[in-house]
Amino acid sequence: MDHKLQFKILKQRGNARVGEITLNGVTLQTPIFMPVGTKATIKGMILDLLRDPHYIGKNIEPIKLILANTFHLYLHPGSQLIKEAGGLHQFENRKDGLILTDSGGFQVFSLWLNNKGDGNFPHKVKLKLTEDGVKFSSPYDGSKHFFSPENVVDTQIEFWSDIMMVLDVCSPWNEEKKRVERQMHMTHRWAKRAYDYFQEKYEQARGVLFPIVQGGSFLDLRQQSIDFLSPLARDGIAIGGVSVGEEKEKVQEVVAYTAPKLPQDKPRYLMGVGTPEDLLFGIEQGVDMFDCVSATRLGRHGIIFSDEGNIKITNARFAKDFTPLTSNCDCYACRCFTKAYFHHLLREKETLGGILLGLHNIVYLNRILEDWKKKMLAE
């Protein structure tokens, strides 16, 4: 069978590389940062802004790949409704871009570990891990559900996802090694089941399926996971289970060890990592794809990325600062408004402030990568 996802390396220096992904009629250049649209939208964002030079600026490419969250969309509004709508592309009007959906495994385990009800999730998550899959209760209404390697593939196919992830077990950062190893082997068995199941549906599905390397912070386990999962990386492969509470030095150690050992001819996706420093470190290790909620989450809390580090716009010193957010960004937020205006919006809890600061942060991360790619290609 032909590969639906085409990947070629345009330039390489050491482990770092500039690549090109073509999938479902869309071509994009890597490395790339993917904004997170958990519930079929980036919170507060009109998705058309991400491809409009008036808003993202003229110096970066339209953002062609975003994420959605299988766990939350499966619960609300449900995969059947999204299927009836014609898939996520039709549902969220993302017809000329790509959508990656995670498997939901990380959300199941993280909500269970942080097992407390709050305003967003009023019910505590109950979980039972079995060889067949994971039984869990909804944080929204307490209803009971079951994820298996196979039905998670089916759900993402119903979403009409472009890139799908296998169901995995994401171990806590401070878990003992023996337990991490058991969970890693379960991830491997689940990945093999998912791939065997998906092969029968490959031609009918819109998307492709990535396995996820696990193993916690133990490099020998990471090597075992690389060895087992690389043959399953038909279209790409991901690094999971990092930046889940451990120190940044440990994250970098795992990424530096793992990324260069993944298949050279496939896209490499580092899951849930996306500060400016993370991106610059990751691309030198050979990572091609990044995602993180921090860009928009920090924006909603009045924090922006800049070349001088993070800036907290709600600080009193910005109340009468009539300069742009940053001097070297031509996104809509930087071009049209001042720090004083955003200080006012955030202080008054006006949602526009957080939306535009989130837009700036997304643009900032993509600009870092655009500048790096241009420099790399010019060498």
Protein backbone atom coordinates (compact mmCIF):
# COMPACT_ATOMS: atom_id res chain seq x y z
CA MET A 1 0.00 0.00 0.00
CA ASP A 2 1.15 3.53 -0.79
CA HIS A 3 1.95 5.91 2.04
CA LYS A 4 -0.60 8.68 2.41
CA LEU A 5 1.88 10.87 4.27
CA GLN A 6 4.93 11.88 2.27
CA PHE A 7 7.95 13.22 4.15
CA LYS A 8 11.24 14.42 2.76
CA ILE A 9 14.23 16.10 4.37
CA LEU A 10 15.18 19.33 2.63
CA LYS A 11 18.28 20.14 4.69
CA GLN A 12 20.09 18.50 7.60
CA ARG A 13 22.85 19.66 9.93
CA GLY A 14 23.78 17.14 12.59
CA ASN A 15 20.50 15.92 14.05
CA ALA A 16 18.62 19.10 13.12
CA ARG A 17 16.68 19.08 9.87
CA VAL A 18 14.20 21.01 7.76
CA GLY A 19 11.57 18.73 6.27
CA GLU A 20 8.38 18.76 4.24
CA ILE A 21 5.16 16.88 4.99
CA THR A 22 2.50 16.35 2.34
CA LEU A 23 -0.78 14.79 3.44
CA ASN A 24 -4.28 14.95 2.03
CA GLY A 25 -3.39 17.69 -0.43
CA VAL A 26 -1.71 19.94 2.16
CA THR A 27 2.05 20.58 2.20
CA LEU A 28 3.82 22.14 5.17
CA GLN A 29 7.41 22.65 6.16
CA THR A 30 8.87 21.30 9.38
CA PRO A 31 9.80 21.89 12.15
CA ILE A 32 6.34 23.16 13.02
CA PHE A 33 4.47 24.24 16.15
CA MET A 34 0.85 23.04 16.29
CA PRO A 35 -1.62 25.13 18.32
CA VAL A 36 -3.92 23.07 20.53
CA GLY A 37 -7.64 23.20 19.78
CA THR A 38 -8.87 20.88 22.51
CA LYS A 39 -12.63 20.98 21.89
CA ALA A 40 -12.67 21.58 18.12
CA THR A 41 -11.48 25.14 18.59
CA ILE A 42 -8.50 27.01 19.95
CA LYS A 43 -10.09 28.60 23.02
CA GLY A 44 -11.49 31.99 22.06
CA MET A 45 -9.83 31.98 18.64
CA ILE A 46 -11.37 32.36 15.19
CA LEU A 47 -9.38 29.73 13.30
CA ASP A 48 -9.30 31.79 10.10
CA LEU A 49 -6.96 34.22 11.89
CA LEU A 50 -4.23 31.58 11.78
CA ARG A 51 -4.03 31.69 7.99
CA ASP A 52 -4.57 35.42 7.48
CA PRO A 53 -1.41 37.57 7.05
CA HIS A 54 -3.33 40.56 8.43
CA TYR A 55 -3.42 38.81 11.82
CA ILE A 56 -0.39 36.53 11.91
CA GLY A 57 1.87 38.91 9.99
CA LYS A 58 3.52 38.63 6.64
CA ASN A 59 6.69 36.87 7.80
CA ILE A 60 5.29 33.45 8.72
CA GLU A 61 3.45 30.83 6.74
CA PRO A 62 -0.26 30.20 7.38
CA ILE A 63 -0.64 27.71 10.23
CA LYS A 64 -1.85 24.55 8.52
CA LEU A 65 -1.85 21.95 11.30
CA ILE A 66 -3.72 22.16 14.62
CA LEU A 67 -4.74 19.67 17.30
CA ALA A 68 -8.00 18.42 18.71
CA ASN A 69 -8.55 16.26 21.78
CA THR A 70 -10.10 12.82 21.36
CA PHE A 71 -10.98 12.41 25.05
CA HIS A 72 -13.01 15.60 25.36
CA LEU A 73 -14.63 15.40 21.91
CA TYR A 74 -15.60 11.77 22.46
CA LEU A 75 -17.45 12.83 25.62
CA HIS A 76 -18.86 16.11 24.22
CA PRO A 77 -20.37 16.34 21.65
CA GLY A 78 -19.56 12.71 20.81
CA SER A 79 -17.89 11.04 17.85
CA GLN A 80 -21.20 10.10 16.22
CA LEU A 81 -22.34 13.72 16.03
CA ILE A 82 -18.98 14.79 14.59
CA LYS A 83 -19.23 11.98 12.04
CA GLU A 84 -22.72 13.14 11.07
CA ALA A 85 -21.35 16.67 10.67
CA GLY A 86 -18.85 15.35 8.11
CA GLY A 87 -15.86 15.11 10.42
CA LEU A 88 -13.89 17.71 12.32
CA HIS A 89 -12.90 19.59 9.18
CA GLN A 90 -16.52 20.33 8.37
CA PHE A 91 -17.54 20.73 12.00
CA GLU A 92 -14.97 23.45 12.77
CA ASN A 93 -14.64 24.79 9.20
CA ARG A 94 -11.02 23.69 8.84
CA LYS A 95 -11.35 22.52 5.25
CA ASP A 96 -7.97 23.64 3.90
CA GLY A 97 -5.78 22.56 6.82
CA LEU A 98 -4.78 19.43 8.71
CA ILE A 99 -6.01 18.21 12.09
CA LEU A 100 -4.09 15.94 14.46
CA THR A 101 -6.04 14.17 17.21
CA ASP A 102 -4.43 12.60 20.24
CA SER A 103 -5.72 9.26 21.52
CA GLY A 104 -7.14 10.57 24.79
CA GLY A 105 -4.85 8.36 26.85
CA PHE A 106 -2.93 11.23 28.41
CA GLN A 107 -6.13 13.01 29.47
CA VAL A 108 -7.58 9.87 31.07
CA PHE A 109 -4.49 9.28 33.18
CA SER A 110 -3.75 12.90 34.02
CA LEU A 111 -7.33 13.62 35.12
CA TRP A 112 -7.28 10.47 37.21
CA LEU A 113 -3.96 11.41 38.84
CA ASN A 114 -5.23 14.92 39.55
CA ASN A 115 -8.38 13.36 40.90
CA LYS A 116 -10.46 16.24 42.14
CA GLY A 117 -13.64 17.88 40.99
CA ASP A 118 -13.63 21.57 40.08
CA GLY A 119 -15.68 24.06 38.10
CA ASN A 120 -14.57 22.63 34.76
CA PHE A 121 -14.72 18.97 35.78
CA PRO A 122 -17.22 18.53 38.61
CA HIS A 123 -16.79 14.76 38.89
CA LYS A 124 -13.72 12.86 40.03
CA VAL A 125 -12.35 10.44 37.44
CA LYS A 126 -12.37 6.77 38.35
CA LEU A 127 -10.05 4.52 36.36
CA LYS A 128 -9.35 0.83 35.91
CA LEU A 129 -6.47 -0.23 33.67
CA THR A 130 -6.79 -3.66 32.05
CA GLU A 131 -5.08 -5.50 29.22
CA ASP A 132 -8.12 -4.84 27.05
CA GLY A 133 -8.00 -1.09 27.59
CA VAL A 134 -8.90 1.52 30.17
CA LYS A 135 -12.25 1.90 31.93
CA PHE A 136 -12.92 5.40 33.20
CA SER A 137 -15.66 7.71 34.37
CA SER A 138 -16.44 11.06 32.77
CA PRO A 139 -15.23 14.14 34.67
CA TYR A 140 -18.32 15.93 33.34
CA ASP A 141 -21.16 13.72 34.58
CA GLY A 142 -19.61 10.59 36.11
CA SER A 143 -20.83 8.29 33.29
CA LYS A 144 -18.77 5.15 32.58
CA HIS A 145 -16.71 4.67 29.41
CA PHE A 146 -14.09 2.40 27.91
CA PHE A 147 -11.14 3.13 25.61
CA SER A 148 -9.41 0.28 23.79
CA PRO A 149 -6.63 0.48 21.19
CA GLU A 150 -9.20 -0.42 18.57
CA ASN A 151 -12.14 1.80 19.46
CA VAL A 152 -9.87 4.83 19.87
CA VAL A 153 -8.78 4.26 16.25
CA ASP A 154 -12.45 4.04 15.24
CA THR A 155 -13.25 7.28 17.08
CA GLN A 156 -10.48 9.18 15.34
CA ILE A 157 -11.52 7.78 11.98
CA GLU A 158 -15.04 9.08 12.68
CA PHE A 159 -13.45 12.45 13.42
CA TRP A 160 -11.90 12.22 9.93
CA SER A 161 -8.53 13.08 11.50
CA ASP A 162 -5.44 13.56 9.35
CA ILE A 163 -2.96 12.33 11.97
CA MET A 164 -4.13 9.95 14.71
CA MET A 165 -2.33 8.70 17.79
CA VAL A 166 -2.39 5.24 19.35
CA LEU A 167 -3.77 4.70 22.83
CA ASP A 168 -0.88 4.66 25.31
CA VAL A 169 -0.21 4.64 29.04
CA CYS A 170 1.41 7.87 30.17
CA SER A 171 3.38 7.09 33.33
CA PRO A 172 3.68 9.71 36.10
CA TRP A 173 7.09 11.38 36.12
CA ASN A 174 7.94 10.09 39.61
CA GLU A 175 6.79 6.49 39.08
CA GLU A 176 9.15 3.65 40.09
CA LYS A 177 11.01 2.00 37.23
CA LYS A 178 9.36 -1.44 37.44
CA ARG A 179 5.92 0.05 37.12
CA VAL A 180 7.00 2.35 34.25
CA GLU A 181 8.39 -0.70 32.48
CA ARG A 182 5.12 -2.62 32.87
CA GLN A 183 3.16 0.33 31.58
CA MET A 184 5.55 0.77 28.67
CA HIS A 185 5.10 -2.86 27.60
CA MET A 186 1.34 -2.40 27.80
CA THR A 187 1.71 0.65 25.54
CA HIS A 188 3.65 -1.55 23.10
CA ARG A 189 1.01 -4.27 23.07
CA TRP A 190 -1.72 -1.70 22.60
CA ALA A 191 0.22 -0.06 19.76
CA LYS A 192 0.60 -3.39 17.96
CA ARG A 193 -3.13 -4.07 18.33
CA ALA A 194 -3.97 -0.59 17.06
CA TYR A 195 -1.74 -1.01 14.03
CA ASP A 196 -3.01 -4.46 13.17
CA TYR A 197 -6.54 -3.11 13.41
CA PHE A 198 -5.77 0.05 11.44
CA GLN A 199 -4.14 -1.79 8.54
CA GLU A 200 -7.54 -3.13 7.54
CA LYS A 201 -8.92 0.42 7.44
CA TYR A 202 -5.88 2.24 6.03
CA GLU A 203 -7.25 2.86 2.55
CA GLN A 204 -10.69 3.94 3.78
CA ALA A 205 -9.48 6.26 6.54
CA ARG A 206 -8.51 9.85 5.83
CA GLY A 207 -5.59 9.84 8.22
CA VAL A 208 -2.45 8.05 9.34
CA LEU A 209 -1.49 6.63 12.74
CA PHE A 210 1.57 7.43 14.87
CA PRO A 211 2.89 5.23 17.73
CA ILE A 212 4.11 6.92 20.92
CA VAL A 213 7.46 6.16 22.54
CA GLN A 214 7.21 5.85 26.33
CA GLY A 215 9.57 4.79 29.12
CA GLY A 216 9.53 7.69 31.55
CA SER A 217 12.91 9.21 32.35
CA PHE A 218 14.71 5.85 32.08
CA LEU A 219 16.87 5.89 28.97
CA ASP A 220 17.20 2.11 28.73
CA LEU A 221 13.40 1.86 28.68
CA ARG A 222 13.24 4.59 26.07
CA GLN A 223 15.61 2.51 23.93
CA GLN A 224 13.37 -0.54 24.29
CA SER A 225 10.38 1.53 23.26
CA ILE A 226 12.22 2.95 20.24
CA ASP A 227 13.22 -0.54 19.14
CA PHE A 228 9.70 -1.95 19.48
CA LEU A 229 7.75 0.92 17.97
CA SER A 230 10.00 2.07 15.11
CA PRO A 231 8.84 -0.77 12.82
CA LEU A 232 5.26 0.43 13.39
CA ALA A 233 6.13 4.02 12.41
CA ARG A 234 4.75 3.69 8.92
CA ASP A 235 3.99 7.41 8.64
CA GLY A 236 5.51 9.03 11.72
CA ILE A 237 6.30 8.56 15.40
CA ALA A 238 5.90 10.53 18.63
CA ILE A 239 7.73 10.99 21.92
CA GLY A 240 5.26 10.94 24.82
CA GLY A 241 5.50 11.03 28.58
CA VAL A 242 7.81 14.03 28.87
CA SER A 243 7.17 17.44 30.46
CA VAL A 244 4.65 15.84 32.83
CA GLY A 245 6.11 17.34 36.00
CA GLU A 246 9.78 16.43 35.86
CA GLU A 247 12.63 18.97 35.84
CA LYS A 248 13.48 20.61 32.50
CA GLU A 249 16.95 19.05 32.59
CA LYS A 250 15.39 15.59 32.70
CA VAL A 251 13.05 16.46 29.81
CA GLN A 252 16.01 17.58 27.74
CA GLU A 253 17.98 14.45 28.61
CA VAL A 254 15.15 12.20 27.40
CA VAL A 255 14.55 14.25 24.23
CA ALA A 256 18.26 14.42 23.38
CA TYR A 257 18.56 10.66 23.77
CA THR A 258 15.33 9.65 22.06
CA ALA A 259 14.76 11.97 19.09
CA PRO A 260 17.92 11.19 17.07
CA LYS A 261 17.29 7.46 17.42
CA LEU A 262 13.82 7.58 15.83
CA PRO A 263 13.44 6.64 12.15
CA GLN A 264 15.23 9.22 10.01
CA ASP A 265 12.72 9.14 7.17
CA LYS A 266 9.60 9.82 9.27
CA PRO A 267 8.28 12.93 11.04
CA ARG A 268 9.13 13.02 14.76
CA TYR A 269 6.56 14.56 17.07
CA LEU A 270 7.39 15.72 20.61
CA MET A 271 4.08 15.76 22.47
CA GLY A 272 3.05 18.52 24.87
CA VAL A 273 6.27 20.54 24.72
CA GLY A 274 6.23 24.09 23.43
CA THR A 275 8.03 26.94 25.18
CA PRO A 276 10.48 28.96 23.06
CA GLU A 277 13.39 27.26 24.84
CA ASP A 278 11.85 23.82 24.31
CA LEU A 279 11.47 24.41 20.58
CA LEU A 280 15.02 25.66 20.09
CA PHE A 281 16.38 22.70 22.04
CA GLY A 282 14.13 20.14 20.35
CA ILE A 283 14.88 21.13 16.77
CA GLU A 284 18.60 20.65 17.38
CA GLN A 285 17.81 17.06 18.47
CA GLY A 286 15.87 16.36 15.27
CA VAL A 287 12.27 16.98 16.39
CA ASP A 288 9.91 17.98 13.56
CA MET A 289 6.58 18.63 15.30
CA PHE A 290 5.64 20.28 18.60
CA ASP A 291 2.41 21.10 20.42
CA CYS A 292 1.56 22.69 23.74
CA VAL A 293 -1.38 24.48 25.36
CA SER A 294 0.94 26.99 27.06
CA ALA A 295 0.91 29.52 24.19
CA THR A 296 -2.80 30.25 24.50
CA ARG A 297 -3.12 29.42 28.21
CA LEU A 298 -0.39 31.88 29.14
CA GLY A 299 -1.93 34.46 26.82
CA ARG A 300 -5.25 34.21 28.65
CA HIS A 301 -3.36 34.94 31.88
CA GLY A 302 -1.62 37.98 30.43
CA ILE A 303 1.79 36.41 29.77
CA ILE A 304 3.50 36.74 26.39
CA PHE A 305 6.62 35.29 24.81
CA SER A 306 9.34 37.73 23.80
CA ASP A 307 13.03 37.75 22.98
CA GLU A 308 13.61 39.11 26.50
CA GLY A 309 11.75 36.21 28.07
CA ASN A 310 8.17 35.99 29.26
CA ILE A 311 6.43 39.31 29.97
CA LYS A 312 3.48 39.57 32.37
CA ILE A 313 1.33 42.36 31.00
CA THR A 314 -0.72 42.72 34.20
CA ASN A 315 2.31 44.09 36.05
CA ALA A 316 1.72 47.68 37.21
CA ARG A 317 4.67 49.03 35.21
CA PHE A 318 2.76 48.43 31.97
CA ALA A 319 -0.29 50.51 32.94
CA LYS A 320 1.11 53.56 31.09
CA ASP A 321 3.42 51.78 28.64
CA PHE A 322 2.30 52.87 25.18
CA THR A 323 4.83 50.79 23.27
CA PRO A 324 3.99 47.65 21.26
CA LEU A 325 3.99 44.24 22.95
CA THR A 326 7.27 43.43 21.18
CA SER A 327 9.37 45.37 18.69
CA ASN A 328 10.14 42.56 16.24
CA CYS A 329 6.74 40.92 15.69
CA ASP A 330 4.20 42.08 13.11
CA CYS A 331 1.23 40.07 14.37
CA TYR A 332 -2.04 41.97 14.79
CA ALA A 333 -1.61 42.32 18.56
CA CYS A 334 1.88 43.80 18.31
CA ARG A 335 1.12 45.96 15.30
CA CYS A 336 -2.12 47.55 16.48
CA PHE A 337 -2.12 47.84 20.28
CA THR A 338 0.07 48.82 23.20
CA LYS A 339 1.08 47.16 26.43
CA ALA A 340 -1.09 49.70 28.28
CA TYR A 341 -4.16 48.62 26.31
CA PHE A 342 -3.57 44.95 27.02
CA HIS A 343 -2.87 45.76 30.67
CA HIS A 344 -6.29 47.41 30.78
CA LEU A 345 -8.05 44.49 29.02
CA LEU A 346 -6.55 41.88 31.33
CA ARG A 347 -7.22 43.92 34.46
CA GLU A 348 -10.85 44.31 33.38
CA LYS A 349 -11.09 40.61 32.47
CA GLU A 350 -12.04 41.45 28.89
CA THR A 351 -11.71 38.26 26.83
CA LEU A 352 -10.27 40.09 23.82
CA GLY A 353 -7.02 40.61 25.72
CA GLY A 354 -6.37 36.93 26.30
CA ILE A 355 -7.40 36.00 22.76
CA LEU A 356 -4.98 38.45 21.13
CA LEU A 357 -2.14 37.61 23.51
CA GLY A 358 -2.68 33.93 22.71
CA LEU A 359 -2.53 34.78 19.02
CA HIS A 360 0.75 36.62 19.58
CA ASN A 361 2.23 33.63 21.44
CA ILE A 362 1.26 31.24 18.64
CA VAL A 363 2.79 33.59 16.08
CA TYR A 364 5.91 34.05 18.19
CA LEU A 365 6.60 30.31 18.37
CA ASN A 366 6.03 29.89 14.66
CA ARG A 367 8.26 32.87 13.91
CA ILE A 368 11.09 31.27 15.90
CA LEU A 369 10.77 28.20 13.69
CA GLU A 370 10.35 30.19 10.46
CA ASP A 371 13.52 32.19 11.18
CA TRP A 372 15.42 29.03 12.04
CA LYS A 373 14.27 27.25 8.86
CA LYS A 374 15.23 30.19 6.64
CA LYS A 375 18.67 30.38 8.23
CA MET A 376 19.12 26.60 7.96
CA LEU A 377 18.13 26.50 4.29
CA ALA A 378 20.43 29.43 3.49
CA GLU A 379 23.53 27.75 4.98
